[in-house]
Amino acid sequence: MLGLKAGQGNEEKQQERDGVANMKDGLYANIHRKRARIKAGSGERMKKAGEEGRPSAQDFKDAAKTAKKPRRQMIADAMKDM
């Protein structure tokens, strides 16, 4: 057909998901995705504290600021306004 092998499009989509597009997902999504790759046998490893490229303590604090509240908390806050 177009010279594409079966499944080649899926590989390109996977690279997009593992590449720059993941910057939008957030810190914990990236960590979860890397752990899944490690478990699948990718040969990668998690970085140790102090290594270059590892998220800093400030990165985790910033990620916590954008986290959703638990559903119960959201409902309780909504009930206060009534």
N, C-alpha and C. Protein backbone atom coordinates (compact mmCIF):
# COMPACT_ATOMS: atom_id res chain seq x y z
N MET A 1 0.83 -1.18 0.00
CA MET A 1 0.00 0.00 0.00
C MET A 1 0.88 1.25 0.00
N LEU A 2 1.07 1.88 1.14
CA LEU A 2 1.86 3.09 1.20
C LEU A 2 3.30 2.81 1.61
N GLY A 3 3.69 1.58 1.67
CA GLY A 3 5.04 1.24 2.07
C GLY A 3 5.22 1.15 3.57
N LEU A 4 4.13 1.16 4.33
CA LEU A 4 4.21 1.04 5.77
C LEU A 4 4.04 -0.42 6.17
N LYS A 5 4.83 -0.82 7.12
CA LYS A 5 4.68 -2.17 7.64
C LYS A 5 3.52 -2.18 8.63
N ALA A 6 2.98 -3.35 8.85
CA ALA A 6 1.88 -3.47 9.80
C ALA A 6 2.36 -3.04 11.17
N GLY A 7 1.61 -2.16 11.82
CA GLY A 7 1.92 -1.71 13.16
C GLY A 7 2.90 -0.55 13.21
N GLN A 8 3.44 -0.11 12.08
CA GLN A 8 4.41 0.97 12.10
C GLN A 8 3.80 2.27 12.62
N GLY A 9 2.57 2.53 12.30
CA GLY A 9 1.90 3.73 12.80
C GLY A 9 1.77 3.72 14.31
N ASN A 10 1.55 2.55 14.88
CA ASN A 10 1.44 2.44 16.33
C ASN A 10 2.75 2.78 17.01
N GLU A 11 3.87 2.38 16.41
CA GLU A 11 5.18 2.69 16.99
C GLU A 11 5.41 4.19 17.00
N GLU A 12 5.00 4.87 15.94
CA GLU A 12 5.17 6.32 15.90
C GLU A 12 4.30 7.00 16.95
N LYS A 13 3.10 6.51 17.16
CA LYS A 13 2.24 7.07 18.19
C LYS A 13 2.85 6.84 19.57
N GLN A 14 3.44 5.66 19.79
CA GLN A 14 4.07 5.35 21.07
C GLN A 14 5.24 6.29 21.32
N GLN A 15 6.03 6.57 20.29
CA GLN A 15 7.14 7.49 20.44
C GLN A 15 6.65 8.88 20.80
N GLU A 16 5.54 9.29 20.22
CA GLU A 16 4.97 10.59 20.56
C GLU A 16 4.54 10.61 22.02
N ARG A 17 3.97 9.51 22.48
CA ARG A 17 3.54 9.44 23.87
C ARG A 17 4.74 9.43 24.82
N ASP A 18 5.84 8.78 24.44
CA ASP A 18 7.02 8.71 25.29
C ASP A 18 7.91 9.93 25.14
N GLY A 19 7.72 10.72 24.11
CA GLY A 19 8.58 11.86 23.83
C GLY A 19 8.08 13.15 24.43
N VAL A 20 8.17 14.19 23.67
CA VAL A 20 7.86 15.54 24.13
C VAL A 20 6.39 15.68 24.54
N ALA A 21 5.51 14.93 23.93
CA ALA A 21 4.09 15.05 24.24
C ALA A 21 3.80 14.76 25.71
N ASN A 22 4.65 14.00 26.37
CA ASN A 22 4.42 13.66 27.78
C ASN A 22 4.66 14.83 28.72
N MET A 23 5.28 15.88 28.26
CA MET A 23 5.54 17.03 29.11
C MET A 23 4.23 17.59 29.65
N LYS A 24 3.12 17.41 28.94
CA LYS A 24 1.83 17.91 29.37
C LYS A 24 1.22 17.04 30.46
N ASP A 25 1.58 15.77 30.49
CA ASP A 25 0.93 14.84 31.39
C ASP A 25 1.21 15.12 32.85
N GLY A 26 2.38 15.56 33.20
CA GLY A 26 2.72 15.87 34.57
C GLY A 26 3.73 14.88 35.15
N LEU A 27 4.23 15.26 36.28
CA LEU A 27 5.30 14.52 36.93
C LEU A 27 4.91 13.10 37.28
N TYR A 28 3.78 12.93 37.94
CA TYR A 28 3.40 11.59 38.40
C TYR A 28 3.01 10.67 37.24
N ALA A 29 2.45 11.22 36.19
CA ALA A 29 2.13 10.41 35.01
C ALA A 29 3.41 9.90 34.36
N ASN A 30 4.42 10.75 34.30
CA ASN A 30 5.70 10.33 33.72
C ASN A 30 6.37 9.26 34.57
N ILE A 31 6.31 9.42 35.89
CA ILE A 31 6.90 8.42 36.79
C ILE A 31 6.18 7.08 36.64
N HIS A 32 4.86 7.12 36.59
CA HIS A 32 4.07 5.90 36.44
C HIS A 32 4.40 5.20 35.13
N ARG A 33 4.51 5.97 34.06
CA ARG A 33 4.82 5.41 32.75
C ARG A 33 6.22 4.76 32.73
N LYS A 34 7.18 5.42 33.38
CA LYS A 34 8.54 4.86 33.41
C LYS A 34 8.57 3.58 34.22
N ARG A 35 7.88 3.54 35.33
CA ARG A 35 7.83 2.31 36.14
C ARG A 35 7.22 1.15 35.35
N ALA A 36 6.21 1.46 34.55
CA ALA A 36 5.59 0.42 33.72
C ALA A 36 6.58 -0.09 32.68
N ARG A 37 7.37 0.81 32.08
CA ARG A 37 8.37 0.38 31.10
C ARG A 37 9.44 -0.48 31.76
N ILE A 38 9.86 -0.08 32.96
CA ILE A 38 10.88 -0.85 33.69
C ILE A 38 10.35 -2.24 34.01
N LYS A 39 9.11 -2.31 34.47
CA LYS A 39 8.50 -3.60 34.79
C LYS A 39 8.39 -4.49 33.56
N ALA A 40 8.19 -3.87 32.39
CA ALA A 40 8.08 -4.62 31.14
C ALA A 40 9.43 -5.07 30.62
N GLY A 41 10.51 -4.63 31.29
CA GLY A 41 11.84 -5.10 30.90
C GLY A 41 12.59 -4.19 29.96
N SER A 42 12.41 -2.88 30.08
CA SER A 42 13.06 -1.96 29.16
C SER A 42 14.55 -1.81 29.42
N GLY A 43 15.02 -2.19 30.60
CA GLY A 43 16.42 -2.03 30.95
C GLY A 43 16.71 -0.67 31.58
N GLU A 44 15.72 0.20 31.65
CA GLU A 44 15.90 1.50 32.29
C GLU A 44 15.92 1.30 33.80
N ARG A 45 16.28 2.36 34.51
CA ARG A 45 16.20 2.35 35.96
C ARG A 45 15.80 3.73 36.44
N MET A 46 15.24 3.78 37.62
CA MET A 46 14.88 5.07 38.20
C MET A 46 16.17 5.75 38.67
N LYS A 47 16.22 7.06 38.55
CA LYS A 47 17.41 7.81 38.97
C LYS A 47 17.45 7.91 40.49
N LYS A 48 18.65 7.90 41.03
CA LYS A 48 18.85 8.03 42.47
C LYS A 48 18.84 9.51 42.86
N ALA A 49 18.66 9.77 44.14
CA ALA A 49 18.65 11.14 44.64
C ALA A 49 19.96 11.83 44.29
N GLY A 50 19.85 13.04 43.77
CA GLY A 50 21.03 13.82 43.43
C GLY A 50 21.53 13.65 42.01
N GLU A 51 21.04 12.65 41.30
CA GLU A 51 21.46 12.45 39.92
C GLU A 51 20.84 13.51 39.03
N GLU A 52 21.56 13.86 37.96
CA GLU A 52 21.06 14.84 37.02
C GLU A 52 19.84 14.26 36.28
N GLY A 53 18.83 15.08 36.10
CA GLY A 53 17.63 14.66 35.41
C GLY A 53 16.55 14.12 36.32
N ARG A 54 16.84 13.96 37.58
CA ARG A 54 15.84 13.48 38.54
C ARG A 54 15.03 14.68 39.02
N PRO A 55 13.73 14.51 39.21
CA PRO A 55 12.92 15.63 39.72
C PRO A 55 13.40 16.07 41.11
N SER A 56 13.42 17.36 41.33
CA SER A 56 13.84 17.91 42.62
C SER A 56 12.67 17.90 43.60
N ALA A 57 12.98 18.20 44.84
CA ALA A 57 11.94 18.29 45.86
C ALA A 57 10.93 19.38 45.48
N GLN A 58 11.44 20.46 44.89
CA GLN A 58 10.55 21.55 44.48
C GLN A 58 9.60 21.11 43.37
N ASP A 59 10.06 20.24 42.47
CA ASP A 59 9.20 19.72 41.41
C ASP A 59 8.02 18.97 42.01
N PHE A 60 8.28 18.18 43.06
CA PHE A 60 7.20 17.43 43.71
C PHE A 60 6.24 18.38 44.44
N LYS A 61 6.77 19.43 45.06
CA LYS A 61 5.91 20.41 45.73
C LYS A 61 5.01 21.13 44.72
N ASP A 62 5.59 21.49 43.57
CA ASP A 62 4.81 22.15 42.53
C ASP A 62 3.73 21.23 41.97
N ALA A 63 4.05 19.94 41.82
CA ALA A 63 3.08 18.98 41.31
C ALA A 63 1.92 18.81 42.30
N ALA A 64 2.22 18.87 43.59
CA ALA A 64 1.18 18.73 44.60
C ALA A 64 0.19 19.88 44.56
N LYS A 65 0.64 21.06 44.15
CA LYS A 65 -0.23 22.23 44.06
C LYS A 65 -1.29 22.08 42.98
N THR A 66 -0.98 21.31 41.95
CA THR A 66 -1.92 21.16 40.83
C THR A 66 -2.76 19.90 40.92
N ALA A 67 -2.57 19.11 41.97
CA ALA A 67 -3.31 17.85 42.12
C ALA A 67 -4.78 18.12 42.43
N LYS A 68 -5.64 17.24 41.95
CA LYS A 68 -7.07 17.35 42.25
C LYS A 68 -7.31 16.99 43.71
N LYS A 69 -8.32 17.63 44.28
CA LYS A 69 -8.74 17.25 45.63
C LYS A 69 -9.51 15.94 45.53
N PRO A 70 -9.50 15.15 46.62
CA PRO A 70 -10.33 13.93 46.62
C PRO A 70 -11.80 14.30 46.43
N ARG A 71 -12.55 13.40 45.83
CA ARG A 71 -13.96 13.66 45.51
C ARG A 71 -14.76 14.07 46.75
N ARG A 72 -14.52 13.41 47.87
CA ARG A 72 -15.25 13.76 49.10
C ARG A 72 -14.99 15.21 49.50
N GLN A 73 -13.74 15.63 49.36
CA GLN A 73 -13.38 17.00 49.72
C GLN A 73 -14.07 17.99 48.78
N MET A 74 -14.13 17.67 47.51
CA MET A 74 -14.78 18.55 46.54
C MET A 74 -16.27 18.69 46.86
N ILE A 75 -16.91 17.58 47.22
CA ILE A 75 -18.33 17.61 47.57
C ILE A 75 -18.55 18.41 48.84
N ALA A 76 -17.68 18.20 49.84
CA ALA A 76 -17.81 18.93 51.10
C ALA A 76 -17.65 20.43 50.87
N ASP A 77 -16.71 20.81 50.03
CA ASP A 77 -16.52 22.24 49.73
C ASP A 77 -17.74 22.81 49.01
N ALA A 78 -18.35 22.03 48.12
CA ALA A 78 -19.53 22.49 47.42
C ALA A 78 -20.73 22.64 48.37
N MET A 79 -20.80 21.76 49.34
CA MET A 79 -21.91 21.82 50.30
C MET A 79 -21.80 23.04 51.21
N LYS A 80 -20.58 23.49 51.48
CA LYS A 80 -20.39 24.67 52.33
C LYS A 80 -20.98 25.91 51.69
N ASP A 81 -20.91 25.96 50.36
CA ASP A 81 -21.41 27.13 49.64
C ASP A 81 -22.93 27.21 49.60
N MET A 82 -23.60 26.14 49.92
CA MET A 82 -25.07 26.10 49.82
C MET A 82 -25.72 26.76 50.99
